[in-house]
Amino acid sequence: MAQSLFKRTLFAFDFDHTLIDDNTDTFILEITDDVKLRSDFKSWRSSGKGWIECMRLVLERIHTLGITPDQIVSHMSKIEIPEERLRILHFLSKQPDTELIIISDSNTVFIDSILKHHGIDKYFTHVYTNRAAFNAEGLLELEPYHINTTCPLSPSNMCKNVILREHIRKSSGD
């Protein structure tokens, strides 16, 4: 009798505009009424700066405006996850031999804040995203998940295909 190649069912989710109906990186712009930040962000994007570089500039500006780590976490917690998605995630998390992961171009602080606020952080075995952490001065520092040099379809900070394939490879024990 042949054994099944897959022992678990894997559900891989994006985060922005998938689990949530918003973009965490642009939602953070709403933490301040600084109109110049929004216009500078558009300028940075149109100048050809990469997403990570633009987000670093946004986070530096927010920091210079005196916005604290607690305010950032609180602000991100305002993002809702639609009730029907919460029900589906709850259902899937209770299924035997099922694994839920997130692969997102957001960052750890933003995603963790939202998942914890909704009480669903334990549903996911892995969250693959750009690394972020507050430094001693309270600045949210951002680092790319990895450097993508192989996939021309993906940004330089993350190839979701590579991440998914690596996750499957590690999960299958290869």
N, C-alpha and C. Protein backbone atom coordinates (compact mmCIF):
# COMPACT_ATOMS: atom_id res chain seq x y z
N MET A 1 0.85 -1.18 0.00
CA MET A 1 0.00 0.00 0.00
C MET A 1 0.89 1.24 0.00
N ALA A 2 0.64 2.14 -0.92
CA ALA A 2 1.44 3.36 -1.05
C ALA A 2 1.09 4.35 0.04
N GLN A 3 2.12 4.97 0.60
CA GLN A 3 1.91 6.01 1.60
C GLN A 3 1.65 7.34 0.91
N SER A 4 0.86 8.17 1.53
CA SER A 4 0.60 9.50 1.00
C SER A 4 1.88 10.32 1.04
N LEU A 5 2.13 11.09 -0.03
CA LEU A 5 3.30 11.96 -0.06
C LEU A 5 3.15 13.12 0.91
N PHE A 6 1.93 13.56 1.14
CA PHE A 6 1.67 14.70 2.01
C PHE A 6 0.93 14.25 3.25
N LYS A 7 1.49 14.60 4.38
CA LYS A 7 0.88 14.21 5.64
C LYS A 7 -0.04 15.29 6.17
N ARG A 8 0.12 16.51 5.66
CA ARG A 8 -0.70 17.62 6.13
C ARG A 8 -1.23 18.42 4.95
N THR A 9 -2.28 19.13 5.22
CA THR A 9 -2.80 20.07 4.24
C THR A 9 -2.27 21.45 4.63
N LEU A 10 -1.66 22.11 3.68
CA LEU A 10 -1.04 23.41 3.92
C LEU A 10 -1.91 24.51 3.32
N PHE A 11 -2.21 25.52 4.13
CA PHE A 11 -2.89 26.72 3.67
C PHE A 11 -1.90 27.87 3.83
N ALA A 12 -1.49 28.45 2.70
CA ALA A 12 -0.55 29.57 2.71
C ALA A 12 -1.31 30.83 2.33
N PHE A 13 -1.26 31.82 3.19
CA PHE A 13 -1.98 33.07 2.99
C PHE A 13 -1.02 34.23 2.81
N ASP A 14 -1.40 35.15 1.94
CA ASP A 14 -0.80 36.47 1.94
C ASP A 14 -1.50 37.21 3.07
N PHE A 15 -1.09 38.41 3.37
CA PHE A 15 -1.71 39.16 4.47
C PHE A 15 -2.47 40.37 3.97
N ASP A 16 -1.74 41.33 3.39
CA ASP A 16 -2.37 42.55 2.88
C ASP A 16 -3.31 42.22 1.72
N HIS A 17 -4.52 42.74 1.80
CA HIS A 17 -5.55 42.54 0.77
C HIS A 17 -5.89 41.06 0.58
N THR A 18 -5.65 40.25 1.59
CA THR A 18 -6.03 38.84 1.57
C THR A 18 -6.69 38.51 2.90
N LEU A 19 -5.90 38.42 3.97
CA LEU A 19 -6.50 38.22 5.29
C LEU A 19 -7.13 39.50 5.80
N ILE A 20 -6.51 40.62 5.45
CA ILE A 20 -7.09 41.92 5.79
C ILE A 20 -7.44 42.64 4.49
N ASP A 21 -8.34 43.59 4.57
CA ASP A 21 -8.75 44.36 3.39
C ASP A 21 -8.01 45.69 3.33
N ASP A 22 -6.76 45.66 3.66
CA ASP A 22 -5.97 46.89 3.70
C ASP A 22 -4.53 46.54 3.40
N ASN A 23 -3.68 47.56 3.33
CA ASN A 23 -2.25 47.39 3.15
C ASN A 23 -1.58 47.96 4.40
N THR A 24 -0.93 47.11 5.17
CA THR A 24 -0.33 47.56 6.42
C THR A 24 0.69 48.67 6.21
N ASP A 25 1.43 48.59 5.13
CA ASP A 25 2.48 49.58 4.88
C ASP A 25 1.92 50.96 4.56
N THR A 26 0.78 51.03 3.90
CA THR A 26 0.19 52.35 3.65
C THR A 26 -0.72 52.78 4.79
N PHE A 27 -1.26 51.81 5.54
CA PHE A 27 -2.09 52.14 6.70
C PHE A 27 -1.29 52.90 7.75
N ILE A 28 0.00 52.59 7.87
CA ILE A 28 0.83 53.26 8.87
C ILE A 28 0.93 54.76 8.58
N LEU A 29 0.75 55.16 7.33
CA LEU A 29 0.79 56.58 6.99
C LEU A 29 -0.33 57.35 7.70
N GLU A 30 -1.41 56.66 8.05
CA GLU A 30 -2.56 57.29 8.71
C GLU A 30 -2.33 57.54 10.20
N ILE A 31 -1.19 57.13 10.72
CA ILE A 31 -0.92 57.32 12.15
C ILE A 31 -0.68 58.80 12.46
N THR A 32 -0.42 59.58 11.44
CA THR A 32 -0.14 61.01 11.62
C THR A 32 -0.92 61.81 10.58
N ASP A 33 -1.17 63.04 10.89
CA ASP A 33 -1.81 63.92 9.91
C ASP A 33 -0.77 64.71 9.12
N ASP A 34 0.48 64.27 9.18
CA ASP A 34 1.57 64.91 8.46
C ASP A 34 1.39 64.71 6.95
N VAL A 35 0.87 65.72 6.30
CA VAL A 35 0.61 65.67 4.86
C VAL A 35 1.91 65.51 4.09
N LYS A 36 2.97 66.11 4.58
CA LYS A 36 4.27 66.02 3.91
C LYS A 36 4.76 64.57 3.84
N LEU A 37 4.48 63.78 4.86
CA LEU A 37 4.88 62.37 4.84
C LEU A 37 4.22 61.66 3.66
N ARG A 38 2.95 61.89 3.46
CA ARG A 38 2.24 61.23 2.36
C ARG A 38 2.80 61.67 1.00
N SER A 39 3.05 62.95 0.84
CA SER A 39 3.60 63.42 -0.44
C SER A 39 5.03 62.93 -0.63
N ASP A 40 5.81 62.91 0.44
CA ASP A 40 7.18 62.38 0.34
C ASP A 40 7.15 60.90 -0.03
N PHE A 41 6.22 60.15 0.56
CA PHE A 41 6.11 58.71 0.26
C PHE A 41 5.85 58.52 -1.24
N LYS A 42 4.92 59.28 -1.79
CA LYS A 42 4.63 59.19 -3.23
C LYS A 42 5.87 59.56 -4.05
N SER A 43 6.58 60.56 -3.60
CA SER A 43 7.80 61.00 -4.28
C SER A 43 8.87 59.91 -4.24
N TRP A 44 9.06 59.32 -3.08
CA TRP A 44 10.05 58.25 -2.94
C TRP A 44 9.72 57.09 -3.86
N ARG A 45 8.44 56.72 -3.90
CA ARG A 45 8.02 55.60 -4.75
C ARG A 45 8.25 55.91 -6.23
N SER A 46 7.90 57.12 -6.64
CA SER A 46 8.04 57.45 -8.05
C SER A 46 9.50 57.67 -8.46
N SER A 47 10.37 57.87 -7.47
CA SER A 47 11.79 58.06 -7.78
C SER A 47 12.52 56.74 -8.03
N GLY A 48 11.81 55.63 -7.84
CA GLY A 48 12.43 54.33 -8.10
C GLY A 48 13.01 53.66 -6.87
N LYS A 49 12.83 54.26 -5.72
CA LYS A 49 13.30 53.61 -4.49
C LYS A 49 12.51 52.31 -4.28
N GLY A 50 13.16 51.29 -3.77
CA GLY A 50 12.49 50.04 -3.47
C GLY A 50 11.54 50.19 -2.30
N TRP A 51 10.63 49.24 -2.17
CA TRP A 51 9.60 49.30 -1.12
C TRP A 51 10.22 49.34 0.27
N ILE A 52 11.19 48.49 0.52
CA ILE A 52 11.83 48.45 1.85
C ILE A 52 12.47 49.79 2.16
N GLU A 53 13.17 50.36 1.19
CA GLU A 53 13.82 51.65 1.41
C GLU A 53 12.77 52.73 1.71
N CYS A 54 11.67 52.73 0.96
CA CYS A 54 10.60 53.70 1.22
C CYS A 54 10.01 53.52 2.60
N MET A 55 9.78 52.27 2.99
CA MET A 55 9.20 52.03 4.32
C MET A 55 10.17 52.42 5.43
N ARG A 56 11.44 52.23 5.22
CA ARG A 56 12.42 52.68 6.22
C ARG A 56 12.33 54.20 6.39
N LEU A 57 12.20 54.91 5.28
CA LEU A 57 12.08 56.37 5.35
C LEU A 57 10.79 56.77 6.07
N VAL A 58 9.70 56.07 5.80
CA VAL A 58 8.43 56.35 6.50
C VAL A 58 8.60 56.13 8.00
N LEU A 59 9.19 55.00 8.37
CA LEU A 59 9.34 54.67 9.79
C LEU A 59 10.28 55.65 10.49
N GLU A 60 11.31 56.10 9.79
CA GLU A 60 12.20 57.11 10.37
C GLU A 60 11.45 58.42 10.60
N ARG A 61 10.64 58.83 9.63
CA ARG A 61 9.87 60.07 9.76
C ARG A 61 8.88 59.96 10.92
N ILE A 62 8.19 58.84 11.01
CA ILE A 62 7.22 58.63 12.09
C ILE A 62 7.93 58.73 13.44
N HIS A 63 9.12 58.16 13.49
CA HIS A 63 9.90 58.21 14.73
C HIS A 63 10.28 59.65 15.08
N THR A 64 10.71 60.42 14.09
CA THR A 64 11.09 61.82 14.37
C THR A 64 9.89 62.66 14.78
N LEU A 65 8.69 62.23 14.41
CA LEU A 65 7.48 62.93 14.83
C LEU A 65 7.09 62.59 16.27
N GLY A 66 7.86 61.68 16.89
CA GLY A 66 7.61 61.34 18.29
C GLY A 66 6.59 60.23 18.50
N ILE A 67 6.25 59.52 17.46
CA ILE A 67 5.30 58.41 17.59
C ILE A 67 6.02 57.23 18.21
N THR A 68 5.44 56.68 19.26
CA THR A 68 6.08 55.63 20.06
C THR A 68 5.76 54.24 19.54
N PRO A 69 6.54 53.24 19.97
CA PRO A 69 6.22 51.86 19.61
C PRO A 69 4.80 51.45 20.02
N ASP A 70 4.37 51.85 21.22
CA ASP A 70 3.01 51.51 21.66
C ASP A 70 1.96 52.12 20.75
N GLN A 71 2.21 53.34 20.28
CA GLN A 71 1.26 53.98 19.37
C GLN A 71 1.21 53.25 18.03
N ILE A 72 2.35 52.78 17.56
CA ILE A 72 2.39 52.03 16.29
C ILE A 72 1.61 50.73 16.44
N VAL A 73 1.88 49.98 17.50
CA VAL A 73 1.18 48.71 17.73
C VAL A 73 -0.32 48.95 17.87
N SER A 74 -0.69 49.95 18.62
CA SER A 74 -2.10 50.29 18.81
C SER A 74 -2.75 50.68 17.48
N HIS A 75 -2.05 51.45 16.69
CA HIS A 75 -2.58 51.87 15.39
C HIS A 75 -2.80 50.66 14.48
N MET A 76 -1.84 49.77 14.42
CA MET A 76 -1.97 48.59 13.56
C MET A 76 -3.10 47.70 14.03
N SER A 77 -3.35 47.68 15.32
CA SER A 77 -4.43 46.85 15.88
C SER A 77 -5.81 47.33 15.46
N LYS A 78 -5.89 48.51 14.87
CA LYS A 78 -7.18 49.03 14.38
C LYS A 78 -7.62 48.34 13.09
N ILE A 79 -6.69 47.68 12.42
CA ILE A 79 -7.03 47.00 11.18
C ILE A 79 -7.89 45.77 11.51
N GLU A 80 -9.03 45.73 10.91
CA GLU A 80 -9.97 44.63 11.15
C GLU A 80 -9.68 43.45 10.22
N ILE A 81 -9.97 42.28 10.72
CA ILE A 81 -10.03 41.08 9.88
C ILE A 81 -11.51 40.75 9.79
N PRO A 82 -12.07 40.69 8.58
CA PRO A 82 -13.50 40.43 8.45
C PRO A 82 -13.93 39.15 9.18
N GLU A 83 -15.09 39.22 9.79
CA GLU A 83 -15.60 38.13 10.63
C GLU A 83 -15.61 36.79 9.89
N GLU A 84 -16.00 36.80 8.62
CA GLU A 84 -16.05 35.53 7.89
C GLU A 84 -14.66 34.92 7.74
N ARG A 85 -13.63 35.76 7.60
CA ARG A 85 -12.26 35.23 7.53
C ARG A 85 -11.81 34.69 8.87
N LEU A 86 -12.18 35.38 9.94
CA LEU A 86 -11.85 34.87 11.28
C LEU A 86 -12.50 33.51 11.51
N ARG A 87 -13.74 33.35 11.09
CA ARG A 87 -14.42 32.06 11.25
C ARG A 87 -13.73 30.96 10.44
N ILE A 88 -13.33 31.28 9.22
CA ILE A 88 -12.64 30.30 8.38
C ILE A 88 -11.30 29.92 9.01
N LEU A 89 -10.55 30.90 9.46
CA LEU A 89 -9.25 30.62 10.09
C LEU A 89 -9.43 29.77 11.34
N HIS A 90 -10.44 30.09 12.14
CA HIS A 90 -10.72 29.30 13.34
C HIS A 90 -11.04 27.86 12.94
N PHE A 91 -11.90 27.69 11.96
CA PHE A 91 -12.27 26.35 11.50
C PHE A 91 -11.04 25.58 11.02
N LEU A 92 -10.24 26.21 10.17
CA LEU A 92 -9.05 25.54 9.63
C LEU A 92 -8.06 25.20 10.73
N SER A 93 -7.92 26.06 11.71
CA SER A 93 -6.95 25.82 12.78
C SER A 93 -7.32 24.61 13.63
N LYS A 94 -8.57 24.21 13.60
CA LYS A 94 -9.05 23.07 14.40
C LYS A 94 -9.01 21.75 13.62
N GLN A 95 -8.69 21.82 12.34
CA GLN A 95 -8.68 20.60 11.53
C GLN A 95 -7.40 19.81 11.77
N PRO A 96 -7.53 18.48 11.85
CA PRO A 96 -6.33 17.66 12.04
C PRO A 96 -5.44 17.71 10.79
N ASP A 97 -4.16 17.61 11.03
CA ASP A 97 -3.18 17.55 9.94
C ASP A 97 -3.28 18.73 8.98
N THR A 98 -3.55 19.88 9.54
CA THR A 98 -3.66 21.11 8.74
C THR A 98 -2.68 22.14 9.29
N GLU A 99 -2.01 22.81 8.38
CA GLU A 99 -1.03 23.84 8.77
C GLU A 99 -1.38 25.13 8.06
N LEU A 100 -1.35 26.24 8.80
CA LEU A 100 -1.60 27.57 8.25
C LEU A 100 -0.32 28.39 8.37
N ILE A 101 0.07 29.02 7.27
CA ILE A 101 1.23 29.90 7.27
C ILE A 101 0.86 31.21 6.56
N ILE A 102 1.65 32.23 6.83
CA ILE A 102 1.51 33.51 6.15
C ILE A 102 2.83 33.80 5.44
N ILE A 103 2.72 34.24 4.18
CA ILE A 103 3.88 34.70 3.42
C ILE A 103 3.50 36.09 2.93
N SER A 104 4.15 37.11 3.50
CA SER A 104 3.70 38.48 3.26
C SER A 104 4.87 39.45 3.11
N ASP A 105 4.65 40.45 2.31
CA ASP A 105 5.63 41.51 2.11
C ASP A 105 5.50 42.62 3.16
N SER A 106 4.70 42.40 4.19
CA SER A 106 4.54 43.37 5.27
C SER A 106 5.76 43.26 6.19
N ASN A 107 5.54 43.21 7.50
CA ASN A 107 6.66 43.00 8.42
C ASN A 107 6.15 42.38 9.72
N THR A 108 7.08 41.87 10.50
CA THR A 108 6.72 41.11 11.71
C THR A 108 5.94 41.94 12.72
N VAL A 109 6.33 43.18 12.94
CA VAL A 109 5.63 43.99 13.95
C VAL A 109 4.19 44.26 13.53
N PHE A 110 3.99 44.65 12.28
CA PHE A 110 2.63 44.96 11.83
C PHE A 110 1.74 43.72 11.88
N ILE A 111 2.23 42.60 11.33
CA ILE A 111 1.42 41.38 11.29
C ILE A 111 1.17 40.85 12.69
N ASP A 112 2.21 40.77 13.53
CA ASP A 112 2.04 40.26 14.89
C ASP A 112 1.04 41.10 15.68
N SER A 113 1.09 42.42 15.51
CA SER A 113 0.16 43.31 16.22
C SER A 113 -1.28 42.98 15.87
N ILE A 114 -1.54 42.76 14.60
CA ILE A 114 -2.90 42.50 14.14
C ILE A 114 -3.35 41.10 14.54
N LEU A 115 -2.50 40.10 14.35
CA LEU A 115 -2.86 38.72 14.71
C LEU A 115 -3.14 38.60 16.20
N LYS A 116 -2.28 39.19 17.02
CA LYS A 116 -2.47 39.12 18.48
C LYS A 116 -3.72 39.87 18.90
N HIS A 117 -3.98 41.02 18.30
CA HIS A 117 -5.18 41.79 18.64
C HIS A 117 -6.44 40.96 18.39
N HIS A 118 -6.44 40.17 17.34
CA HIS A 118 -7.61 39.34 17.00
C HIS A 118 -7.55 37.96 17.63
N GLY A 119 -6.50 37.68 18.39
CA GLY A 119 -6.38 36.40 19.09
C GLY A 119 -6.17 35.20 18.18
N ILE A 120 -5.53 35.42 17.04
CA ILE A 120 -5.34 34.31 16.11
C ILE A 120 -3.87 34.03 15.80
N ASP A 121 -2.97 34.62 16.55
CA ASP A 121 -1.55 34.42 16.29
C ASP A 121 -1.14 32.96 16.42
N LYS A 122 -1.80 32.20 17.26
CA LYS A 122 -1.46 30.79 17.47
C LYS A 122 -1.96 29.88 16.35
N TYR A 123 -2.79 30.40 15.45
CA TYR A 123 -3.31 29.61 14.34
C TYR A 123 -2.23 29.31 13.30
N PHE A 124 -1.20 30.13 13.26
CA PHE A 124 -0.20 30.04 12.20
C PHE A 124 1.09 29.44 12.73
N THR A 125 1.60 28.44 12.01
CA THR A 125 2.85 27.81 12.43
C THR A 125 4.06 28.66 12.04
N HIS A 126 3.93 29.42 10.96
CA HIS A 126 5.02 30.28 10.50
C HIS A 126 4.45 31.55 9.87
N VAL A 127 5.15 32.64 10.11
CA VAL A 127 4.85 33.89 9.41
C VAL A 127 6.16 34.32 8.74
N TYR A 128 6.17 34.21 7.42
CA TYR A 128 7.34 34.60 6.64
C TYR A 128 7.11 36.02 6.14
N THR A 129 7.90 36.94 6.64
CA THR A 129 7.73 38.34 6.28
C THR A 129 9.02 39.09 6.56
N ASN A 130 9.06 40.34 6.18
CA ASN A 130 10.24 41.17 6.47
C ASN A 130 10.39 41.35 7.98
N ARG A 131 11.62 41.28 8.43
CA ARG A 131 11.89 41.40 9.86
C ARG A 131 11.80 42.86 10.30
N ALA A 132 11.18 43.06 11.43
CA ALA A 132 11.08 44.41 11.99
C ALA A 132 11.17 44.31 13.51
N ALA A 133 11.82 45.29 14.10
CA ALA A 133 11.94 45.35 15.56
C ALA A 133 12.22 46.79 15.96
N PHE A 134 11.75 47.14 17.13
CA PHE A 134 12.02 48.47 17.67
C PHE A 134 13.41 48.47 18.29
N ASN A 135 14.20 49.48 17.96
CA ASN A 135 15.51 49.59 18.58
C ASN A 135 15.38 50.29 19.94
N ALA A 136 16.49 50.52 20.62
CA ALA A 136 16.46 51.10 21.97
C ALA A 136 15.85 52.50 22.00
N GLU A 137 15.92 53.21 20.88
CA GLU A 137 15.35 54.57 20.82
C GLU A 137 13.88 54.56 20.40
N GLY A 138 13.34 53.38 20.10
CA GLY A 138 11.93 53.29 19.70
C GLY A 138 11.68 53.36 18.22
N LEU A 139 12.74 53.39 17.41
CA LEU A 139 12.60 53.39 15.96
C LEU A 139 12.31 51.97 15.48
N LEU A 140 11.30 51.83 14.66
CA LEU A 140 11.00 50.52 14.07
C LEU A 140 11.94 50.31 12.89
N GLU A 141 12.86 49.37 13.07
CA GLU A 141 13.84 49.07 12.03
C GLU A 141 13.35 47.90 11.20
N LEU A 142 13.59 47.98 9.91
CA LEU A 142 13.05 47.02 8.95
C LEU A 142 14.17 46.40 8.14
N GLU A 143 14.13 45.09 8.01
CA GLU A 143 15.11 44.36 7.21
C GLU A 143 14.36 43.44 6.25
N PRO A 144 14.88 43.26 5.04
CA PRO A 144 14.21 42.37 4.09
C PRO A 144 14.21 40.93 4.59
N TYR A 145 13.19 40.17 4.18
CA TYR A 145 13.14 38.76 4.56
C TYR A 145 14.38 38.04 4.03
N HIS A 146 14.67 38.23 2.77
CA HIS A 146 15.89 37.72 2.15
C HIS A 146 16.19 38.58 0.93
N ILE A 147 17.30 38.35 0.31
CA ILE A 147 17.66 39.07 -0.91
C ILE A 147 17.31 38.15 -2.09
N ASN A 148 16.36 38.59 -2.88
CA ASN A 148 15.91 37.81 -4.03
C ASN A 148 16.74 38.20 -5.24
N THR A 149 17.50 37.25 -5.74
CA THR A 149 18.29 37.49 -6.95
C THR A 149 17.91 36.52 -8.06
N THR A 150 16.95 35.64 -7.80
CA THR A 150 16.65 34.58 -8.76
C THR A 150 15.31 34.75 -9.47
N CYS A 151 14.39 35.47 -8.90
CA CYS A 151 13.05 35.55 -9.48
C CYS A 151 12.76 36.96 -9.99
N PRO A 152 12.69 37.12 -11.31
CA PRO A 152 12.44 38.45 -11.86
C PRO A 152 10.99 38.94 -11.64
N LEU A 153 10.11 38.05 -11.22
CA LEU A 153 8.71 38.41 -11.00
C LEU A 153 8.47 38.98 -9.61
N SER A 154 9.45 38.85 -8.72
CA SER A 154 9.28 39.24 -7.33
C SER A 154 10.16 40.44 -6.98
N PRO A 155 9.79 41.16 -5.92
CA PRO A 155 10.64 42.27 -5.48
C PRO A 155 11.96 41.75 -4.91
N SER A 156 12.90 42.64 -4.72
CA SER A 156 14.23 42.25 -4.27
C SER A 156 14.27 41.72 -2.84
N ASN A 157 13.24 42.03 -2.04
CA ASN A 157 13.26 41.62 -0.64
C ASN A 157 12.54 40.30 -0.36
N MET A 158 11.87 39.73 -1.37
CA MET A 158 11.11 38.52 -1.05
C MET A 158 10.56 37.87 -2.31
N CYS A 159 10.83 36.58 -2.45
CA CYS A 159 10.18 35.78 -3.48
C CYS A 159 9.30 34.76 -2.75
N LYS A 160 8.00 34.96 -2.84
CA LYS A 160 7.07 34.09 -2.13
C LYS A 160 7.13 32.66 -2.64
N ASN A 161 7.42 32.46 -3.92
CA ASN A 161 7.54 31.13 -4.48
C ASN A 161 8.70 30.37 -3.83
N VAL A 162 9.84 31.04 -3.71
CA VAL A 162 11.01 30.42 -3.07
C VAL A 162 10.68 30.07 -1.61
N ILE A 163 10.03 30.98 -0.91
CA ILE A 163 9.69 30.75 0.49
C ILE A 163 8.74 29.56 0.63
N LEU A 164 7.71 29.52 -0.21
CA LEU A 164 6.74 28.43 -0.15
C LEU A 164 7.41 27.09 -0.46
N ARG A 165 8.20 27.04 -1.50
CA ARG A 165 8.88 25.79 -1.86
C ARG A 165 9.82 25.33 -0.74
N GLU A 166 10.54 26.27 -0.14
CA GLU A 166 11.45 25.92 0.97
C GLU A 166 10.65 25.41 2.18
N HIS A 167 9.53 26.04 2.47
CA HIS A 167 8.70 25.59 3.58
C HIS A 167 8.22 24.16 3.33
N ILE A 168 7.75 23.89 2.14
CA ILE A 168 7.27 22.54 1.79
C ILE A 168 8.41 21.53 1.87
N ARG A 169 9.57 21.91 1.37
CA ARG A 169 10.72 21.01 1.42
C ARG A 169 11.08 20.67 2.87
N LYS A 170 11.16 21.69 3.72
CA LYS A 170 11.50 21.45 5.13
C LYS A 170 10.42 20.64 5.83
N SER A 171 9.17 20.92 5.51
CA SER A 171 8.06 20.20 6.16
C SER A 171 7.99 18.74 5.74
N SER A 172 8.45 18.46 4.53
CA SER A 172 8.40 17.07 4.06
C SER A 172 9.62 16.28 4.50
N GLY A 173 10.59 16.96 5.11
CA GLY A 173 11.75 16.28 5.65
C GLY A 173 12.86 16.05 4.64
N ASP A 174 12.77 16.69 3.50
CA ASP A 174 13.83 16.54 2.49
C ASP A 174 15.05 17.34 2.84
